[in-house]
Amino acid sequence: MDFLKKAMASTNSNTAHTTTAQPTAHKDDPLDKAIDFVQEHVFKQGSQKNESAAEQAKDAKIASGIKSLFKKATGKEFPGGTNH
């Protein structure tokens, strides 16, 4: 019977260490905040405070596109924030 207890204890301790994918926190530059504002208030996509990695990647692509179009139109880098 002791081997069953040990087996169950090791199974329980192994499952306790598994983690689920949690959204990662990231710092927003002003452009990211503007994108989140438009998504939340204009497109009614709900709160943008706890985004998944996929949402963050989508926002990064949108920011990159905006910065690219800005540079193409003006010849200058997008002001403020970091370049993605």
Protein backbone atom coordinates (compact mmCIF):
# COMPACT_ATOMS: atom_id res chain seq x y z
CA MET A 1 0.00 0.00 0.00
CA ASP A 2 2.86 2.38 0.65
CA PHE A 3 3.91 2.20 -2.99
CA LEU A 4 0.39 3.36 -3.99
CA LYS A 5 0.62 6.33 -1.62
CA LYS A 6 4.03 7.25 -3.00
CA ALA A 7 2.80 6.88 -6.57
CA MET A 8 -0.23 9.08 -5.85
CA ALA A 9 1.92 11.65 -4.06
CA SER A 10 4.32 11.88 -6.99
CA THR A 11 1.41 12.17 -9.45
CA ASN A 12 -0.18 14.95 -7.40
CA SER A 13 3.11 16.82 -7.05
CA ASN A 14 3.71 16.59 -10.82
CA THR A 15 0.28 17.98 -11.68
CA ALA A 16 0.66 20.80 -9.17
CA HIS A 17 3.63 22.13 -11.15
CA THR A 18 1.85 22.39 -14.48
CA THR A 19 0.92 25.90 -15.49
CA THR A 20 -1.57 27.32 -17.89
CA ALA A 21 -0.71 29.99 -20.40
CA GLN A 22 -1.28 33.35 -18.78
CA PRO A 23 -1.42 36.63 -20.64
CA THR A 24 1.82 38.49 -20.29
CA ALA A 25 2.00 42.03 -19.07
CA HIS A 26 3.71 44.53 -21.29
CA LYS A 27 4.50 48.20 -21.08
CA ASP A 28 2.53 50.34 -23.43
CA ASP A 29 3.94 53.21 -25.39
CA PRO A 30 1.49 55.96 -26.39
CA LEU A 31 0.76 54.30 -29.74
CA ASP A 32 -0.11 50.98 -28.04
CA LYS A 33 -2.41 52.82 -25.65
CA ALA A 34 -4.11 54.56 -28.59
CA ILE A 35 -4.59 51.23 -30.40
CA ASP A 36 -6.09 49.69 -27.25
CA PHE A 37 -8.38 52.72 -26.81
CA VAL A 38 -9.70 52.43 -30.37
CA GLN A 39 -10.21 48.66 -30.02
CA GLU A 40 -12.05 49.08 -26.73
CA HIS A 41 -14.19 52.15 -27.39
CA VAL A 42 -14.63 52.34 -31.17
CA PHE A 43 -14.66 48.66 -32.14
CA LYS A 44 -16.27 47.59 -28.81
CA GLN A 45 -13.84 44.68 -28.32
CA GLY A 46 -13.99 44.88 -24.54
CA SER A 47 -11.31 45.66 -22.01
CA GLN A 48 -7.76 45.68 -23.34
CA LYS A 49 -6.13 45.50 -19.90
CA ASN A 50 -5.41 41.75 -19.83
CA GLU A 51 -4.48 40.81 -23.40
CA SER A 52 -3.25 37.41 -24.49
CA ALA A 53 0.04 36.99 -26.31
CA ALA A 54 -1.87 36.68 -29.59
CA GLU A 55 -3.66 39.99 -28.95
CA GLN A 56 -0.36 41.65 -28.09
CA ALA A 57 1.20 40.30 -31.30
CA LYS A 58 -1.74 41.63 -33.31
CA ASP A 59 -1.37 45.04 -31.66
CA ALA A 60 2.37 45.01 -32.39
CA LYS A 61 1.64 44.34 -36.08
CA ILE A 62 -0.87 47.21 -36.16
CA ALA A 63 1.66 49.54 -34.47
CA SER A 64 4.38 48.43 -36.88
CA GLY A 65 2.12 49.14 -39.85
CA ILE A 66 1.21 52.58 -38.56
CA LYS A 67 4.88 53.42 -37.96
CA SER A 68 5.83 52.12 -41.39
CA LEU A 69 3.14 54.19 -43.13
CA PHE A 70 4.13 57.25 -41.11
CA LYS A 71 7.77 56.85 -42.16
CA LYS A 72 6.77 56.28 -45.78
CA ALA A 73 4.60 59.42 -45.77
CA THR A 74 6.94 61.75 -43.86
CA GLY A 75 10.39 60.24 -44.22
CA LYS A 76 10.81 60.48 -40.43
CA GLU A 77 10.58 57.94 -37.62
CA PHE A 78 7.34 57.81 -35.65
CA PRO A 79 7.66 60.18 -32.66
CA GLY A 80 7.59 58.85 -29.12
CA GLY A 81 7.73 55.29 -27.89
CA THR A 82 9.82 52.43 -29.11
CA ASN A 83 9.88 51.03 -32.61
CA HIS A 84 8.49 47.50 -32.87
